[in-house]
């Protein structure tokens, strides 16, 4: 399985990187794309990008120069453009036909940037599995099934996306069985793991599953 790793900018002070993802990068099984100041995040995390994209209005000049000097592919776009830097980076990994996408960073900073990042990651045209680690928080786009072993009391939220969704939840304090979550509904917020396997099944529609404290999953 080839993974597309996208590093986004943001003001997060601590960024989780799952150990399995680091292993995939080390083994050369990942295409790593930094979106503008995501290059600075890559350097802080000790991850070498294969490609850097963006208008470069937020990356530090020194980091960008180091990337140029080391022969990393640079794709510069004009500031007046229709896509965000994250969208440009996602397009690169999608064009490379990866099997899975993991986004690192993108939290903190401006609220409009955060909302735009979430919308870009969860847009329906992305059909490969995709998840994002925003600092220590995990969100996964789910249109079929997601499961994970979690300690007791870990919060799990399920939010319908792009319309209503029919959802079942198991292994949580408040289970659901083919429950319809209306667009904008908050019934799926702040459920809790009973300790063990948590299973979220989306029978119809699309949801975002959020684990606000996902440190134990890394």
N, C-alpha and C. Protein backbone atom coordinates (compact mmCIF):
# COMPACT_ATOMS: atom_id res chain seq x y z
N UNK A 1 0.85 -1.19 0.00
CA UNK A 1 0.00 0.00 0.00
C UNK A 1 0.88 1.24 0.00
N UNK A 2 0.60 2.15 -0.94
CA UNK A 2 1.35 3.40 -1.00
C UNK A 2 0.51 4.51 -0.36
N UNK A 3 1.13 5.25 0.54
CA UNK A 3 0.44 6.27 1.30
C UNK A 3 0.85 7.65 0.79
N UNK A 4 -0.13 8.52 0.65
CA UNK A 4 0.15 9.91 0.37
C UNK A 4 0.14 10.69 1.67
N UNK A 5 1.25 11.29 2.03
CA UNK A 5 1.36 12.05 3.27
C UNK A 5 1.41 13.53 2.91
N UNK A 6 0.45 14.29 3.43
CA UNK A 6 0.40 15.73 3.16
C UNK A 6 0.65 16.47 4.46
N UNK A 7 1.63 17.34 4.47
CA UNK A 7 1.93 18.15 5.64
C UNK A 7 1.40 19.55 5.41
N UNK A 8 0.51 19.98 6.30
CA UNK A 8 -0.10 21.30 6.19
C UNK A 8 0.51 22.24 7.22
N UNK A 9 0.30 23.53 7.02
CA UNK A 9 0.78 24.52 7.97
C UNK A 9 -0.16 24.60 9.17
N UNK A 10 0.08 25.52 10.04
CA UNK A 10 -0.76 25.68 11.22
C UNK A 10 0.07 26.00 12.44
N UNK A 11 -0.63 26.31 13.52
CA UNK A 11 0.06 26.76 14.72
C UNK A 11 0.07 25.72 15.83
N UNK A 12 -0.14 24.45 15.50
CA UNK A 12 -0.16 23.42 16.53
C UNK A 12 1.22 23.31 17.18
N UNK A 13 1.24 23.26 18.51
CA UNK A 13 2.52 23.17 19.22
C UNK A 13 3.01 21.73 19.33
N UNK A 14 2.12 20.77 19.17
CA UNK A 14 2.53 19.37 19.25
C UNK A 14 1.78 18.59 18.17
N UNK A 15 2.52 17.94 17.30
CA UNK A 15 1.92 17.21 16.20
C UNK A 15 2.19 15.72 16.33
N UNK A 16 1.13 14.94 16.47
CA UNK A 16 1.25 13.49 16.51
C UNK A 16 1.59 12.94 15.13
N UNK A 17 2.44 11.93 15.11
CA UNK A 17 2.74 11.18 13.89
C UNK A 17 2.67 9.71 14.25
N UNK A 18 1.69 8.98 13.72
CA UNK A 18 1.59 7.55 14.05
C UNK A 18 2.88 6.81 13.71
N UNK A 19 3.28 5.89 14.58
CA UNK A 19 4.53 5.15 14.37
C UNK A 19 4.51 4.38 13.06
N UNK A 20 3.36 3.80 12.72
CA UNK A 20 3.28 3.04 11.46
C UNK A 20 3.50 3.94 10.25
N UNK A 21 3.06 5.20 10.37
CA UNK A 21 3.26 6.13 9.26
C UNK A 21 4.75 6.45 9.12
N UNK A 22 5.42 6.67 10.24
CA UNK A 22 6.87 6.91 10.16
C UNK A 22 7.59 5.72 9.53
N UNK A 23 7.15 4.51 9.87
CA UNK A 23 7.76 3.32 9.29
C UNK A 23 7.55 3.29 7.77
N UNK A 24 6.35 3.62 7.32
CA UNK A 24 6.07 3.62 5.89
C UNK A 24 6.92 4.65 5.15
N UNK A 25 7.10 5.82 5.77
CA UNK A 25 7.95 6.85 5.16
C UNK A 25 9.39 6.37 5.09
N UNK A 26 9.88 5.77 6.18
CA UNK A 26 11.26 5.29 6.22
C UNK A 26 11.52 4.20 5.19
N UNK A 27 10.51 3.38 4.92
CA UNK A 27 10.64 2.28 3.97
C UNK A 27 10.43 2.72 2.53
N UNK A 28 10.10 3.99 2.33
CA UNK A 28 9.89 4.49 0.98
C UNK A 28 8.53 4.15 0.42
N UNK A 29 7.58 3.82 1.27
CA UNK A 29 6.24 3.46 0.82
C UNK A 29 5.27 4.63 0.87
N UNK A 30 5.80 5.84 0.92
CA UNK A 30 4.95 7.02 1.03
C UNK A 30 5.46 8.13 0.12
N UNK A 31 4.52 8.86 -0.46
CA UNK A 31 4.83 10.08 -1.18
C UNK A 31 4.52 11.24 -0.24
N UNK A 32 5.53 12.01 0.12
CA UNK A 32 5.38 13.07 1.11
C UNK A 32 5.35 14.42 0.40
N UNK A 33 4.24 15.12 0.57
CA UNK A 33 4.05 16.42 -0.07
C UNK A 33 3.82 17.47 1.01
N UNK A 34 4.62 18.51 1.01
CA UNK A 34 4.47 19.60 1.97
C UNK A 34 3.73 20.75 1.30
N UNK A 35 2.70 21.25 1.98
CA UNK A 35 1.93 22.38 1.48
C UNK A 35 2.44 23.66 2.14
N UNK A 36 3.22 24.42 1.39
CA UNK A 36 3.75 25.71 1.85
C UNK A 36 4.44 25.57 3.21
N UNK A 37 3.91 26.18 4.28
CA UNK A 37 4.60 26.11 5.57
C UNK A 37 4.53 24.72 6.19
N UNK A 38 3.86 23.80 5.52
CA UNK A 38 3.96 22.40 5.92
C UNK A 38 5.39 21.89 5.81
N UNK A 39 6.21 22.58 5.00
CA UNK A 39 7.63 22.23 4.92
C UNK A 39 8.32 22.48 6.25
N UNK A 40 7.98 23.58 6.92
CA UNK A 40 8.55 23.85 8.25
C UNK A 40 8.13 22.77 9.24
N UNK A 41 6.85 22.33 9.14
CA UNK A 41 6.39 21.25 10.01
C UNK A 41 7.16 19.97 9.71
N UNK A 42 7.38 19.68 8.44
CA UNK A 42 8.14 18.48 8.08
C UNK A 42 9.53 18.50 8.71
N UNK A 43 10.19 19.65 8.66
CA UNK A 43 11.52 19.74 9.26
C UNK A 43 11.47 19.53 10.76
N UNK A 44 10.46 20.11 11.42
CA UNK A 44 10.34 19.93 12.87
C UNK A 44 10.11 18.46 13.23
N UNK A 45 9.41 17.75 12.36
CA UNK A 45 9.10 16.34 12.63
C UNK A 45 10.18 15.39 12.14
N UNK A 46 11.19 15.91 11.46
CA UNK A 46 12.24 15.06 10.93
C UNK A 46 11.79 14.24 9.74
N UNK A 47 10.85 14.77 8.97
CA UNK A 47 10.33 14.09 7.78
C UNK A 47 10.82 14.84 6.55
N UNK A 48 11.34 14.09 5.58
CA UNK A 48 11.84 14.69 4.35
C UNK A 48 10.74 14.66 3.30
N UNK A 49 10.39 15.82 2.78
CA UNK A 49 9.36 15.89 1.75
C UNK A 49 9.92 15.50 0.39
N UNK A 50 9.07 14.90 -0.43
CA UNK A 50 9.43 14.63 -1.82
C UNK A 50 9.10 15.81 -2.72
N UNK A 51 8.03 16.52 -2.38
CA UNK A 51 7.55 17.63 -3.19
C UNK A 51 7.06 18.73 -2.24
N UNK A 52 7.28 19.97 -2.62
CA UNK A 52 6.75 21.12 -1.90
C UNK A 52 5.89 21.92 -2.87
N UNK A 53 4.65 22.23 -2.47
CA UNK A 53 3.76 22.99 -3.34
C UNK A 53 3.20 24.19 -2.58
N UNK A 54 2.79 25.22 -3.33
CA UNK A 54 2.15 26.37 -2.72
C UNK A 54 2.60 27.67 -3.35
N UNK A 55 2.06 28.78 -2.80
CA UNK A 55 2.51 30.09 -3.26
C UNK A 55 3.65 30.62 -2.41
N UNK A 56 3.98 29.90 -1.35
CA UNK A 56 5.14 30.16 -0.50
C UNK A 56 5.06 31.53 0.19
N UNK A 57 3.85 31.84 0.65
CA UNK A 57 3.68 33.09 1.39
C UNK A 57 3.85 32.89 2.89
N UNK A 58 3.93 31.62 3.33
CA UNK A 58 4.04 31.38 4.77
C UNK A 58 5.23 30.51 5.16
N UNK A 59 5.80 29.76 4.24
CA UNK A 59 6.98 28.95 4.56
C UNK A 59 8.15 29.88 4.87
N UNK A 60 9.02 29.46 5.78
CA UNK A 60 10.19 30.27 6.07
C UNK A 60 11.17 30.19 4.90
N UNK A 61 11.79 31.32 4.52
CA UNK A 61 12.71 31.31 3.38
C UNK A 61 13.86 30.31 3.55
N UNK A 62 14.36 30.16 4.77
CA UNK A 62 15.47 29.24 4.99
C UNK A 62 15.07 27.80 4.70
N UNK A 63 13.87 27.40 5.14
CA UNK A 63 13.41 26.04 4.89
C UNK A 63 13.23 25.80 3.40
N UNK A 64 12.67 26.78 2.70
CA UNK A 64 12.47 26.63 1.26
C UNK A 64 13.81 26.55 0.54
N UNK A 65 14.79 27.33 0.97
CA UNK A 65 16.10 27.28 0.33
C UNK A 65 16.77 25.93 0.58
N UNK A 66 16.62 25.40 1.79
CA UNK A 66 17.20 24.08 2.07
C UNK A 66 16.56 23.02 1.17
N UNK A 67 15.27 23.15 0.94
CA UNK A 67 14.59 22.19 0.06
C UNK A 67 15.14 22.29 -1.36
N UNK A 68 15.32 23.51 -1.83
CA UNK A 68 15.89 23.70 -3.18
C UNK A 68 17.29 23.11 -3.26
N UNK A 69 18.11 23.40 -2.23
CA UNK A 69 19.49 22.94 -2.25
C UNK A 69 19.60 21.42 -2.22
N UNK A 70 18.62 20.78 -1.58
CA UNK A 70 18.68 19.32 -1.47
C UNK A 70 18.01 18.60 -2.65
N UNK A 71 17.52 19.38 -3.60
CA UNK A 71 16.96 18.78 -4.81
C UNK A 71 15.51 18.34 -4.69
N UNK A 72 14.81 18.76 -3.65
CA UNK A 72 13.38 18.45 -3.52
C UNK A 72 12.61 19.18 -4.61
N UNK A 73 11.63 18.50 -5.20
CA UNK A 73 10.83 19.11 -6.26
C UNK A 73 10.00 20.26 -5.69
N UNK A 74 10.07 21.41 -6.35
CA UNK A 74 9.35 22.60 -5.91
C UNK A 74 8.30 22.95 -6.96
N UNK A 75 7.06 23.04 -6.53
CA UNK A 75 5.97 23.44 -7.44
C UNK A 75 5.37 24.74 -6.91
N UNK A 76 5.80 25.86 -7.49
CA UNK A 76 5.33 27.17 -7.02
C UNK A 76 4.13 27.63 -7.83
N UNK A 77 3.13 28.15 -7.12
CA UNK A 77 1.89 28.64 -7.74
C UNK A 77 1.73 30.12 -7.41
N UNK A 78 1.00 30.85 -8.24
CA UNK A 78 0.78 32.27 -7.95
C UNK A 78 -0.06 32.47 -6.69
N UNK A 79 0.11 33.59 -6.05
CA UNK A 79 -0.69 33.89 -4.86
C UNK A 79 -2.16 34.02 -5.21
N UNK A 80 -2.46 34.64 -6.36
CA UNK A 80 -3.85 34.77 -6.82
C UNK A 80 -4.25 33.47 -7.52
N UNK A 81 -4.79 32.53 -6.74
CA UNK A 81 -5.16 31.22 -7.27
C UNK A 81 -6.50 30.80 -6.68
N UNK A 82 -7.12 29.80 -7.28
CA UNK A 82 -8.44 29.36 -6.85
C UNK A 82 -8.41 28.27 -5.79
N UNK A 83 -7.25 27.65 -5.56
CA UNK A 83 -7.14 26.56 -4.60
C UNK A 83 -6.25 26.98 -3.43
N UNK A 84 -6.53 26.40 -2.27
CA UNK A 84 -5.61 26.58 -1.15
C UNK A 84 -4.39 25.71 -1.37
N UNK A 85 -3.34 25.98 -0.60
CA UNK A 85 -2.12 25.16 -0.71
C UNK A 85 -2.40 23.71 -0.35
N UNK A 86 -3.28 23.48 0.63
CA UNK A 86 -3.63 22.11 0.99
C UNK A 86 -4.32 21.40 -0.16
N UNK A 87 -5.22 22.09 -0.85
CA UNK A 87 -5.88 21.48 -2.00
C UNK A 87 -4.87 21.11 -3.09
N UNK A 88 -3.90 21.98 -3.31
CA UNK A 88 -2.86 21.69 -4.31
C UNK A 88 -2.08 20.44 -3.92
N UNK A 89 -1.75 20.32 -2.63
CA UNK A 89 -0.99 19.16 -2.16
C UNK A 89 -1.83 17.88 -2.28
N UNK A 90 -3.09 17.97 -1.94
CA UNK A 90 -3.97 16.80 -2.06
C UNK A 90 -4.08 16.36 -3.52
N UNK A 91 -4.13 17.34 -4.43
CA UNK A 91 -4.21 17.01 -5.86
C UNK A 91 -2.97 16.24 -6.31
N UNK A 92 -1.82 16.59 -5.76
CA UNK A 92 -0.58 15.90 -6.14
C UNK A 92 -0.62 14.44 -5.73
N UNK A 93 -1.03 14.15 -4.49
CA UNK A 93 -1.04 12.76 -4.05
C UNK A 93 -2.15 11.97 -4.74
N UNK A 94 -3.27 12.62 -5.04
CA UNK A 94 -4.34 11.92 -5.75
C UNK A 94 -3.91 11.58 -7.17
N UNK A 95 -3.19 12.48 -7.81
CA UNK A 95 -2.70 12.21 -9.17
C UNK A 95 -1.70 11.05 -9.16
N UNK A 96 -1.01 10.86 -8.05
CA UNK A 96 -0.04 9.77 -7.94
C UNK A 96 -0.71 8.43 -7.64
N UNK A 97 -2.04 8.43 -7.54
CA UNK A 97 -2.81 7.20 -7.34
C UNK A 97 -2.39 6.45 -6.09
N UNK A 98 -2.31 7.17 -4.97
CA UNK A 98 -1.99 6.51 -3.70
C UNK A 98 -3.21 5.73 -3.21
N UNK A 99 -2.97 4.81 -2.29
CA UNK A 99 -4.05 3.96 -1.77
C UNK A 99 -4.70 4.54 -0.52
N UNK A 100 -4.03 5.50 0.11
CA UNK A 100 -4.50 6.08 1.36
C UNK A 100 -3.83 7.42 1.54
N UNK A 101 -4.53 8.36 2.20
CA UNK A 101 -3.97 9.69 2.42
C UNK A 101 -4.00 10.00 3.91
N UNK A 102 -2.89 10.52 4.41
CA UNK A 102 -2.81 10.98 5.80
C UNK A 102 -2.34 12.43 5.77
N UNK A 103 -3.13 13.30 6.39
CA UNK A 103 -2.77 14.71 6.49
C UNK A 103 -2.24 14.97 7.90
N UNK A 104 -1.11 15.65 7.98
CA UNK A 104 -0.53 16.03 9.26
C UNK A 104 -0.52 17.55 9.35
N UNK A 105 -1.03 18.08 10.44
CA UNK A 105 -1.04 19.52 10.63
C UNK A 105 -2.31 20.15 10.08
N UNK A 106 -2.31 21.48 10.08
CA UNK A 106 -3.47 22.21 9.60
C UNK A 106 -4.35 22.76 10.70
N UNK A 107 -3.99 22.50 11.96
CA UNK A 107 -4.77 23.02 13.08
C UNK A 107 -4.19 24.35 13.55
N UNK A 108 -4.95 25.06 14.35
CA UNK A 108 -4.48 26.32 14.88
C UNK A 108 -4.59 27.43 13.85
N UNK A 109 -4.21 28.62 14.25
CA UNK A 109 -4.28 29.74 13.33
C UNK A 109 -5.71 30.21 13.12
N UNK A 110 -6.03 30.62 11.90
CA UNK A 110 -7.32 31.21 11.59
C UNK A 110 -8.42 30.16 11.47
N UNK A 111 -9.62 30.53 11.96
CA UNK A 111 -10.76 29.62 11.91
C UNK A 111 -11.16 29.31 10.48
N UNK A 112 -11.13 30.31 9.60
CA UNK A 112 -11.53 30.05 8.22
C UNK A 112 -10.58 29.07 7.54
N UNK A 113 -9.29 29.15 7.88
CA UNK A 113 -8.34 28.19 7.32
C UNK A 113 -8.64 26.78 7.81
N UNK A 114 -8.93 26.65 9.10
CA UNK A 114 -9.23 25.33 9.65
C UNK A 114 -10.48 24.74 9.00
N UNK A 115 -11.54 25.53 8.88
CA UNK A 115 -12.77 25.04 8.25
C UNK A 115 -12.52 24.66 6.80
N UNK A 116 -11.75 25.48 6.09
CA UNK A 116 -11.44 25.18 4.70
C UNK A 116 -10.62 23.89 4.58
N UNK A 117 -9.69 23.68 5.52
CA UNK A 117 -8.90 22.44 5.50
C UNK A 117 -9.78 21.21 5.69
N UNK A 118 -10.71 21.30 6.67
CA UNK A 118 -11.61 20.18 6.91
C UNK A 118 -12.47 19.91 5.68
N UNK A 119 -12.99 20.97 5.08
CA UNK A 119 -13.82 20.80 3.89
C UNK A 119 -13.04 20.18 2.74
N UNK A 120 -11.79 20.59 2.57
CA UNK A 120 -10.97 20.03 1.49
C UNK A 120 -10.68 18.56 1.71
N UNK A 121 -10.41 18.18 2.95
CA UNK A 121 -10.08 16.79 3.25
C UNK A 121 -11.31 15.90 3.11
N UNK A 122 -12.48 16.42 3.48
CA UNK A 122 -13.69 15.59 3.51
C UNK A 122 -14.54 15.73 2.25
N UNK A 123 -14.03 16.39 1.23
CA UNK A 123 -14.86 16.58 0.05
C UNK A 123 -15.15 15.24 -0.63
N UNK A 124 -16.34 15.08 -1.22
CA UNK A 124 -16.76 13.78 -1.73
C UNK A 124 -15.98 13.28 -2.94
N UNK A 125 -15.23 14.15 -3.61
CA UNK A 125 -14.47 13.70 -4.78
C UNK A 125 -13.24 12.88 -4.38
N UNK A 126 -12.86 12.91 -3.10
CA UNK A 126 -11.77 12.05 -2.63
C UNK A 126 -12.37 10.71 -2.24
N UNK A 127 -12.05 9.68 -2.99
CA UNK A 127 -12.67 8.37 -2.78
C UNK A 127 -11.73 7.37 -2.12
N UNK A 128 -10.46 7.72 -1.92
CA UNK A 128 -9.55 6.82 -1.21
C UNK A 128 -9.66 7.12 0.28
N UNK A 129 -9.34 6.16 1.16
CA UNK A 129 -9.39 6.42 2.60
C UNK A 129 -8.50 7.61 2.97
N UNK A 130 -9.04 8.50 3.80
CA UNK A 130 -8.29 9.70 4.19
C UNK A 130 -8.55 10.02 5.65
N UNK A 131 -7.49 10.41 6.34
CA UNK A 131 -7.58 10.81 7.73
C UNK A 131 -6.64 11.98 7.96
N UNK A 132 -6.88 12.71 9.03
CA UNK A 132 -6.03 13.86 9.35
C UNK A 132 -5.71 13.87 10.83
N UNK A 133 -4.46 14.17 11.13
CA UNK A 133 -4.00 14.36 12.50
C UNK A 133 -3.76 15.84 12.70
N UNK A 134 -4.68 16.49 13.41
CA UNK A 134 -4.57 17.91 13.68
C UNK A 134 -4.01 18.06 15.09
N UNK A 135 -2.70 18.15 15.17
CA UNK A 135 -2.06 18.12 16.48
C UNK A 135 -2.23 16.74 17.08
N UNK A 136 -2.92 16.66 18.22
CA UNK A 136 -3.17 15.36 18.87
C UNK A 136 -4.58 14.85 18.59
N UNK A 137 -5.32 15.54 17.72
CA UNK A 137 -6.68 15.12 17.40
C UNK A 137 -6.70 14.40 16.05
N UNK A 138 -7.50 13.35 15.99
CA UNK A 138 -7.64 12.56 14.77
C UNK A 138 -9.04 12.74 14.21
N UNK A 139 -9.12 13.00 12.92
CA UNK A 139 -10.43 12.87 12.29
C UNK A 139 -10.31 12.05 11.02
N UNK A 140 -11.30 11.19 10.83
CA UNK A 140 -11.32 10.23 9.73
C UNK A 140 -12.60 10.42 8.94
N UNK A 141 -12.49 10.47 7.65
CA UNK A 141 -13.67 10.53 6.79
C UNK A 141 -14.16 9.10 6.56
N UNK A 142 -15.42 8.84 6.91
CA UNK A 142 -15.94 7.48 6.88
C UNK A 142 -17.22 7.44 6.05
N UNK A 143 -17.22 6.62 5.02
CA UNK A 143 -18.46 6.37 4.29
C UNK A 143 -18.81 4.89 4.25
N UNK A 144 -18.03 4.09 4.98
CA UNK A 144 -18.35 2.66 5.12
C UNK A 144 -18.21 2.24 6.58
N UNK A 145 -16.97 1.96 6.99
CA UNK A 145 -16.77 1.44 8.34
C UNK A 145 -15.43 1.91 8.89
N UNK A 146 -15.42 2.20 10.19
CA UNK A 146 -14.18 2.54 10.90
C UNK A 146 -14.21 1.83 12.24
N UNK A 147 -13.08 1.26 12.63
CA UNK A 147 -13.00 0.62 13.94
C UNK A 147 -11.61 0.85 14.52
N UNK A 148 -11.55 0.89 15.84
CA UNK A 148 -10.29 1.11 16.54
C UNK A 148 -10.46 0.68 17.99
N UNK A 149 -9.41 0.11 18.56
CA UNK A 149 -9.42 -0.24 19.98
C UNK A 149 -9.04 1.00 20.78
N UNK A 150 -9.92 1.36 21.73
CA UNK A 150 -9.71 2.57 22.51
C UNK A 150 -9.86 2.27 23.99
N UNK A 151 -9.14 2.99 24.81
CA UNK A 151 -9.28 2.84 26.25
C UNK A 151 -10.66 3.34 26.70
N UNK A 152 -11.06 2.89 27.86
CA UNK A 152 -12.35 3.31 28.41
C UNK A 152 -12.37 4.82 28.63
N UNK A 153 -13.47 5.45 28.23
CA UNK A 153 -13.66 6.87 28.45
C UNK A 153 -13.14 7.78 27.36
N UNK A 154 -12.47 7.22 26.35
CA UNK A 154 -11.99 8.05 25.25
C UNK A 154 -13.18 8.57 24.45
N UNK A 155 -13.19 9.86 24.19
CA UNK A 155 -14.31 10.48 23.48
C UNK A 155 -14.22 10.20 21.99
N UNK A 156 -15.36 9.85 21.41
CA UNK A 156 -15.48 9.63 19.97
C UNK A 156 -16.73 10.39 19.50
N UNK A 157 -16.57 11.24 18.51
CA UNK A 157 -17.69 11.98 17.96
C UNK A 157 -17.92 11.60 16.50
N UNK A 158 -19.18 11.54 16.11
CA UNK A 158 -19.55 11.22 14.72
C UNK A 158 -20.41 12.37 14.20
N UNK A 159 -19.97 12.99 13.12
CA UNK A 159 -20.63 14.17 12.58
C UNK A 159 -21.03 13.89 11.13
N UNK A 160 -22.31 14.00 10.80
CA UNK A 160 -22.72 13.79 9.40
C UNK A 160 -22.13 14.88 8.51
N UNK A 161 -21.77 14.50 7.29
CA UNK A 161 -21.11 15.44 6.39
C UNK A 161 -21.78 15.39 5.02
N UNK A 162 -22.03 16.55 4.45
CA UNK A 162 -22.67 16.66 3.14
C UNK A 162 -24.07 16.05 3.13
N UNK A 163 -24.81 16.22 4.20
CA UNK A 163 -26.17 15.71 4.25
C UNK A 163 -26.37 14.71 5.36
N UNK A 164 -27.56 14.10 5.43
CA UNK A 164 -27.84 13.13 6.49
C UNK A 164 -27.04 11.84 6.30
N UNK A 165 -26.89 11.09 7.39
CA UNK A 165 -26.18 9.81 7.34
C UNK A 165 -26.87 8.82 8.27
N UNK A 166 -26.90 7.57 7.84
CA UNK A 166 -27.45 6.49 8.66
C UNK A 166 -26.29 5.75 9.30
N UNK A 167 -26.28 5.72 10.64
CA UNK A 167 -25.08 5.29 11.37
C UNK A 167 -25.42 4.27 12.44
N UNK A 168 -24.51 3.29 12.61
CA UNK A 168 -24.53 2.40 13.77
C UNK A 168 -23.22 2.57 14.52
N UNK A 169 -23.30 2.55 15.85
CA UNK A 169 -22.11 2.67 16.69
C UNK A 169 -22.12 1.58 17.75
N UNK A 170 -21.01 0.88 17.87
CA UNK A 170 -20.87 -0.15 18.88
C UNK A 170 -19.62 0.05 19.70
N UNK A 171 -19.60 -0.51 20.91
CA UNK A 171 -18.46 -0.36 21.80
C UNK A 171 -18.39 0.98 22.47
N UNK A 172 -19.54 1.70 22.50
CA UNK A 172 -19.58 3.04 23.07
C UNK A 172 -20.70 3.12 24.11
N UNK A 173 -20.64 4.16 24.91
CA UNK A 173 -21.60 4.31 26.01
C UNK A 173 -23.03 4.45 25.51
N UNK A 174 -23.20 5.15 24.39
CA UNK A 174 -24.53 5.34 23.80
C UNK A 174 -24.54 4.75 22.39
N UNK A 175 -24.83 3.45 22.27
CA UNK A 175 -24.79 2.81 20.95
C UNK A 175 -25.94 3.28 20.05
N UNK A 176 -25.72 3.18 18.76
CA UNK A 176 -26.74 3.51 17.77
C UNK A 176 -26.92 2.32 16.83
N UNK A 177 -28.13 2.14 16.33
CA UNK A 177 -28.42 1.06 15.39
C UNK A 177 -29.20 1.63 14.21
N UNK A 178 -28.50 1.83 13.10
CA UNK A 178 -29.12 2.39 11.90
C UNK A 178 -29.86 3.69 12.21
N UNK A 179 -29.22 4.53 12.98
CA UNK A 179 -29.81 5.80 13.38
C UNK A 179 -29.51 6.86 12.32
N UNK A 180 -30.53 7.63 11.95
CA UNK A 180 -30.34 8.68 10.96
C UNK A 180 -29.90 9.97 11.67
N UNK A 181 -28.70 10.42 11.35
CA UNK A 181 -28.20 11.69 11.84
C UNK A 181 -28.49 12.73 10.76
N UNK A 182 -29.35 13.66 11.06
CA UNK A 182 -29.70 14.69 10.09
C UNK A 182 -28.51 15.61 9.85
N UNK A 183 -28.51 16.27 8.70
CA UNK A 183 -27.46 17.26 8.42
C UNK A 183 -27.46 18.30 9.52
N UNK A 184 -26.32 18.56 10.10
CA UNK A 184 -26.20 19.52 11.19
C UNK A 184 -26.54 18.97 12.55
N UNK A 185 -26.91 17.68 12.64
CA UNK A 185 -27.27 17.09 13.93
C UNK A 185 -26.04 16.96 14.82
N UNK A 186 -26.27 17.09 16.13
CA UNK A 186 -25.18 16.99 17.10
C UNK A 186 -25.32 15.76 18.00
N UNK A 187 -26.23 14.85 17.66
CA UNK A 187 -26.44 13.66 18.50
C UNK A 187 -25.22 12.76 18.57
N UNK A 188 -24.36 12.83 17.58
CA UNK A 188 -23.19 11.96 17.57
C UNK A 188 -21.98 12.52 18.29
N UNK A 189 -22.13 13.69 18.91
CA UNK A 189 -20.99 14.34 19.57
C UNK A 189 -20.76 13.73 20.96
N UNK A 190 -19.49 13.57 21.30
CA UNK A 190 -19.05 13.23 22.67
C UNK A 190 -19.58 11.90 23.18
N UNK A 191 -19.56 10.87 22.33
CA UNK A 191 -19.78 9.52 22.83
C UNK A 191 -18.49 9.06 23.52
N UNK A 192 -18.55 7.93 24.22
CA UNK A 192 -17.38 7.47 24.97
C UNK A 192 -17.16 5.98 24.75
N UNK A 193 -15.90 5.63 24.58
CA UNK A 193 -15.54 4.22 24.46
C UNK A 193 -15.77 3.48 25.76
N UNK A 194 -16.26 2.24 25.65
CA UNK A 194 -16.42 1.39 26.83
C UNK A 194 -15.12 0.67 27.20
N UNK A 195 -14.13 0.82 26.35
CA UNK A 195 -12.85 0.11 26.55
C UNK A 195 -12.83 -1.11 25.67
N UNK A 196 -12.05 -1.07 24.60
CA UNK A 196 -12.03 -2.16 23.63
C UNK A 196 -12.34 -1.63 22.24
N UNK A 197 -12.90 -2.49 21.41
CA UNK A 197 -13.14 -2.15 20.01
C UNK A 197 -14.35 -1.23 19.86
N UNK A 198 -14.12 -0.09 19.23
CA UNK A 198 -15.20 0.83 18.86
C UNK A 198 -15.43 0.68 17.35
N UNK A 199 -16.69 0.47 16.98
CA UNK A 199 -17.02 0.27 15.57
C UNK A 199 -18.06 1.31 15.14
N UNK A 200 -17.74 2.01 14.08
CA UNK A 200 -18.66 2.98 13.49
C UNK A 200 -18.97 2.50 12.07
N UNK A 201 -20.24 2.27 11.79
CA UNK A 201 -20.65 1.85 10.45
C UNK A 201 -21.56 2.92 9.86
N UNK A 202 -21.21 3.39 8.69
CA UNK A 202 -22.03 4.37 7.98
C UNK A 202 -22.75 3.61 6.85
N UNK A 203 -24.03 3.37 7.05
CA UNK A 203 -24.81 2.60 6.08
C UNK A 203 -25.18 3.43 4.86
N UNK A 204 -25.35 4.73 5.08
CA UNK A 204 -25.71 5.63 3.99
C UNK A 204 -25.20 7.02 4.32
N UNK A 205 -24.60 7.68 3.34
CA UNK A 205 -24.07 9.02 3.56
C UNK A 205 -22.59 8.99 3.90
N UNK A 206 -22.14 10.06 4.50
CA UNK A 206 -20.72 10.22 4.85
C UNK A 206 -20.62 10.93 6.18
N UNK A 207 -19.67 10.52 7.01
CA UNK A 207 -19.47 11.12 8.33
C UNK A 207 -18.00 11.44 8.55
N UNK A 208 -17.77 12.35 9.48
CA UNK A 208 -16.44 12.57 10.02
C UNK A 208 -16.43 11.99 11.43
N UNK A 209 -15.50 11.09 11.67
CA UNK A 209 -15.30 10.53 13.02
C UNK A 209 -14.12 11.26 13.65
N UNK A 210 -14.34 11.81 14.83
CA UNK A 210 -13.31 12.61 15.50
C UNK A 210 -12.96 11.98 16.84
N UNK A 211 -11.67 11.78 17.08
CA UNK A 211 -11.16 11.37 18.38
C UNK A 211 -10.32 12.54 18.89
N UNK A 212 -10.89 13.37 19.79
CA UNK A 212 -10.19 14.59 20.21
C UNK A 212 -8.86 14.35 20.92
N UNK A 213 -8.74 13.23 21.63
CA UNK A 213 -7.48 12.89 22.30
C UNK A 213 -7.04 11.54 21.77
N UNK A 214 -6.24 11.57 20.69
CA UNK A 214 -5.88 10.34 19.99
C UNK A 214 -4.44 9.94 20.23
N UNK A 215 -3.83 10.44 21.30
CA UNK A 215 -2.41 10.16 21.54
C UNK A 215 -2.14 8.67 21.62
N UNK A 216 -3.05 7.90 22.21
CA UNK A 216 -2.80 6.47 22.39
C UNK A 216 -2.83 5.71 21.07
N UNK A 217 -3.32 6.33 20.02
CA UNK A 217 -3.39 5.65 18.72
C UNK A 217 -2.12 5.86 17.90
N UNK A 218 -1.20 6.64 18.39
CA UNK A 218 0.02 6.93 17.62
C UNK A 218 1.17 6.02 18.03
